[in-house]
Amino acid sequence: MTDLIVEADGGSRGNPGIAGAGALVRNEQGQVLAAVAVPLGKASNNVAEYSGLIAGLRLAREIDSQAMVEVRMDSKLVVEQMSGRWKIKHADMKRLADEASRILPPMQVRYTWVPRAENLDADRLSNEAMDASAAGTEWDPTASRIQPIPN
């Protein structure tokens, strides 16, 4: 049974280029419990995707470190690599995958690929992060289109 759902995304305007990552955590009713956008400066698309995953897993751990977590991403590469079905050959990706796998015990996390159309909120957050990155500013959560429910 899934207790929390992480939706994550990352992008780069140019590859590498201005990059950002976004992630949110939902409860099983679909309510957004937490959201974050991470400006990354200049990075590749794959680094941005992994950065979104890491940010989402950290949010989930802050909410409930014992929860079963389903990660939903539109990055087939990240989903397949983190599920252990594809090898990780690139050193940067291996480092980021190792970091992600240490956030929560791997037995608590399940990875699911979703079409981009089902990952729009995480995509919005990654675009907010890229906009902040391009402007050289921090992400402003109060200006975000994705707002968590109040505690």
Protein backbone atom coordinates (compact mmCIF):
# COMPACT_ATOMS: atom_id res chain seq x y z
CA MET A 1 0.00 0.00 0.00
CA THR A 2 1.33 3.44 -0.93
CA ASP A 3 1.26 6.06 1.79
CA LEU A 4 2.84 8.90 -0.20
CA ILE A 5 3.18 9.70 -3.88
CA VAL A 6 6.17 11.65 -5.15
CA GLU A 7 5.89 13.34 -8.53
CA ALA A 8 9.21 14.64 -9.83
CA ASP A 9 10.61 16.22 -12.96
CA GLY A 10 13.61 18.12 -14.19
CA GLY A 11 14.52 20.01 -17.29
CA SER A 12 17.25 21.89 -19.04
CA ARG A 13 16.85 24.66 -21.60
CA GLY A 14 19.74 23.49 -23.70
CA ASN A 15 21.54 20.30 -22.83
CA PRO A 16 23.38 21.33 -20.79
CA GLY A 17 21.73 24.66 -20.17
CA ILE A 18 19.63 26.59 -17.66
CA ALA A 19 18.22 23.80 -15.52
CA GLY A 20 15.77 23.21 -12.73
CA ALA A 21 14.02 20.44 -10.87
CA GLY A 22 10.60 20.19 -9.31
CA ALA A 23 8.93 17.74 -6.98
CA LEU A 24 5.80 17.40 -4.92
CA VAL A 25 4.37 14.89 -2.49
CA ARG A 26 0.72 13.86 -2.47
CA ASN A 27 -1.26 11.80 -0.03
CA GLU A 28 -3.37 8.92 -1.30
CA GLN A 29 -6.32 11.30 -1.74
CA GLY A 30 -4.25 13.34 -4.21
CA GLN A 31 -3.76 16.39 -2.02
CA VAL A 32 -0.39 18.13 -2.34
CA LEU A 33 1.36 17.95 1.04
CA ALA A 34 4.64 19.61 0.01
CA ALA A 35 6.24 21.05 -3.10
CA VAL A 36 9.65 22.36 -4.08
CA ALA A 37 11.40 23.81 -7.11
CA VAL A 38 15.20 23.71 -7.25
CA PRO A 39 17.09 26.10 -9.55
CA LEU A 40 20.23 24.27 -10.72
CA GLY A 41 22.11 26.83 -12.80
CA LYS A 42 23.68 25.07 -15.79
CA ALA A 43 23.14 21.30 -15.89
CA SER A 44 22.09 18.50 -18.21
CA ASN A 45 18.52 17.26 -18.50
CA ASN A 46 19.45 13.95 -16.84
CA VAL A 47 21.07 15.71 -13.87
CA ALA A 48 17.91 17.82 -13.54
CA GLU A 49 15.67 14.73 -13.62
CA TYR A 50 17.70 13.04 -10.88
CA SER A 51 17.73 16.28 -8.88
CA GLY A 52 13.92 16.31 -9.00
CA LEU A 53 13.86 12.73 -7.72
CA ILE A 54 16.23 13.57 -4.86
CA ALA A 55 14.18 16.62 -3.89
CA GLY A 56 10.95 14.60 -3.91
CA LEU A 57 12.37 11.76 -1.82
CA ARG A 58 13.69 14.27 0.71
CA LEU A 59 10.25 15.87 0.99
CA ALA A 60 8.64 12.46 1.51
CA ARG A 61 11.18 11.57 4.20
CA GLU A 62 10.44 14.86 6.01
CA ILE A 63 6.72 14.08 5.98
CA ASP A 64 7.02 10.45 7.08
CA SER A 65 10.28 8.52 7.03
CA GLN A 66 8.37 5.23 7.45
CA ALA A 67 5.95 5.73 4.55
CA MET A 68 5.76 3.52 1.52
CA VAL A 69 6.47 5.83 -1.42
CA GLU A 70 5.51 5.59 -5.06
CA VAL A 71 7.68 7.81 -7.26
CA ARG A 72 6.03 8.85 -10.51
CA MET A 73 8.23 10.35 -13.21
CA ASP A 74 8.08 10.82 -16.96
CA SER A 75 11.81 10.08 -17.25
CA LYS A 76 12.04 6.49 -18.47
CA LEU A 77 15.81 6.64 -17.88
CA VAL A 78 15.53 7.50 -14.17
CA VAL A 79 12.66 5.09 -13.52
CA GLU A 80 14.41 2.17 -15.21
CA GLN A 81 17.80 2.91 -13.63
CA MET A 82 16.40 3.37 -10.12
CA SER A 83 14.31 0.20 -10.53
CA GLY A 84 17.51 -1.69 -11.35
CA ARG A 85 16.43 -2.71 -14.85
CA TRP A 86 18.93 -0.49 -16.69
CA LYS A 87 22.61 -0.10 -15.88
CA ILE A 88 23.96 3.28 -14.89
CA LYS A 89 27.11 3.96 -16.87
CA HIS A 90 27.65 7.72 -16.50
CA ALA A 91 29.57 8.73 -13.34
CA ASP A 92 27.34 11.76 -12.58
CA MET A 93 24.18 9.67 -12.90
CA LYS A 94 25.66 6.92 -10.73
CA ARG A 95 26.51 9.45 -8.01
CA LEU A 96 23.00 10.94 -8.11
CA ALA A 97 21.34 7.49 -8.15
CA ASP A 98 23.41 6.46 -5.13
CA GLU A 99 22.38 9.66 -3.32
CA ALA A 100 18.70 9.04 -4.12
CA SER A 101 18.87 5.43 -2.95
CA ARG A 102 20.21 6.51 0.46
CA ILE A 103 17.35 8.90 1.26
CA LEU A 104 14.83 6.16 2.04
CA PRO A 105 15.35 2.42 2.28
CA PRO A 106 14.95 1.02 -1.26
CA MET A 107 12.26 -1.42 -0.06
CA GLN A 108 10.04 1.58 0.78
CA VAL A 109 10.19 3.07 -2.71
CA ARG A 110 8.53 1.95 -5.94
CA TYR A 111 9.18 3.68 -9.27
CA THR A 112 6.48 4.18 -11.90
CA TRP A 113 6.87 5.72 -15.34
CA VAL A 114 4.00 8.03 -16.29
CA PRO A 115 3.32 9.93 -19.52
CA ARG A 116 4.33 13.58 -19.46
CA ALA A 117 0.65 14.57 -19.48
CA GLU A 118 0.28 12.88 -16.06
CA ASN A 119 3.27 14.73 -14.59
CA LEU A 120 2.20 18.32 -15.26
CA ASP A 121 2.46 19.66 -11.71
CA ALA A 122 6.07 18.48 -11.33
CA ASP A 123 6.77 19.87 -14.80
CA ARG A 124 5.35 23.26 -13.73
CA LEU A 125 7.62 23.24 -10.70
CA SER A 126 10.68 22.37 -12.79
CA ASN A 127 9.83 25.26 -15.12
CA GLU A 128 9.48 27.60 -12.15
CA ALA A 129 12.94 26.43 -11.07
CA MET A 130 14.37 27.02 -14.56
CA ASP A 131 12.84 30.52 -14.60
CA ALA A 132 14.45 31.28 -11.23
CA SER A 133 17.73 29.81 -12.45
CA ALA A 134 17.64 31.98 -15.57
CA ALA A 135 16.93 35.05 -13.43
CA GLY A 136 19.67 34.17 -10.96
CA THR A 137 17.20 34.09 -8.07
CA GLU A 138 15.87 31.62 -5.55
CA TRP A 139 12.51 29.95 -6.11
CA ASP A 140 9.64 31.75 -4.36
CA PRO A 141 7.21 29.13 -3.05
CA THR A 142 4.56 31.78 -2.32
CA ALA A 143 4.43 32.66 -6.02
CA SER A 144 4.15 29.06 -7.15
CA ARG A 145 1.13 27.73 -9.00
CA ILE A 146 1.43 24.53 -6.94
CA GLN A 147 0.42 25.12 -3.34
CA PRO A 148 0.36 22.46 -0.61
CA ILE A 149 -2.69 22.12 1.61
CA PRO A 150 -2.25 23.98 4.91
CA ASN A 151 -1.04 21.85 7.84
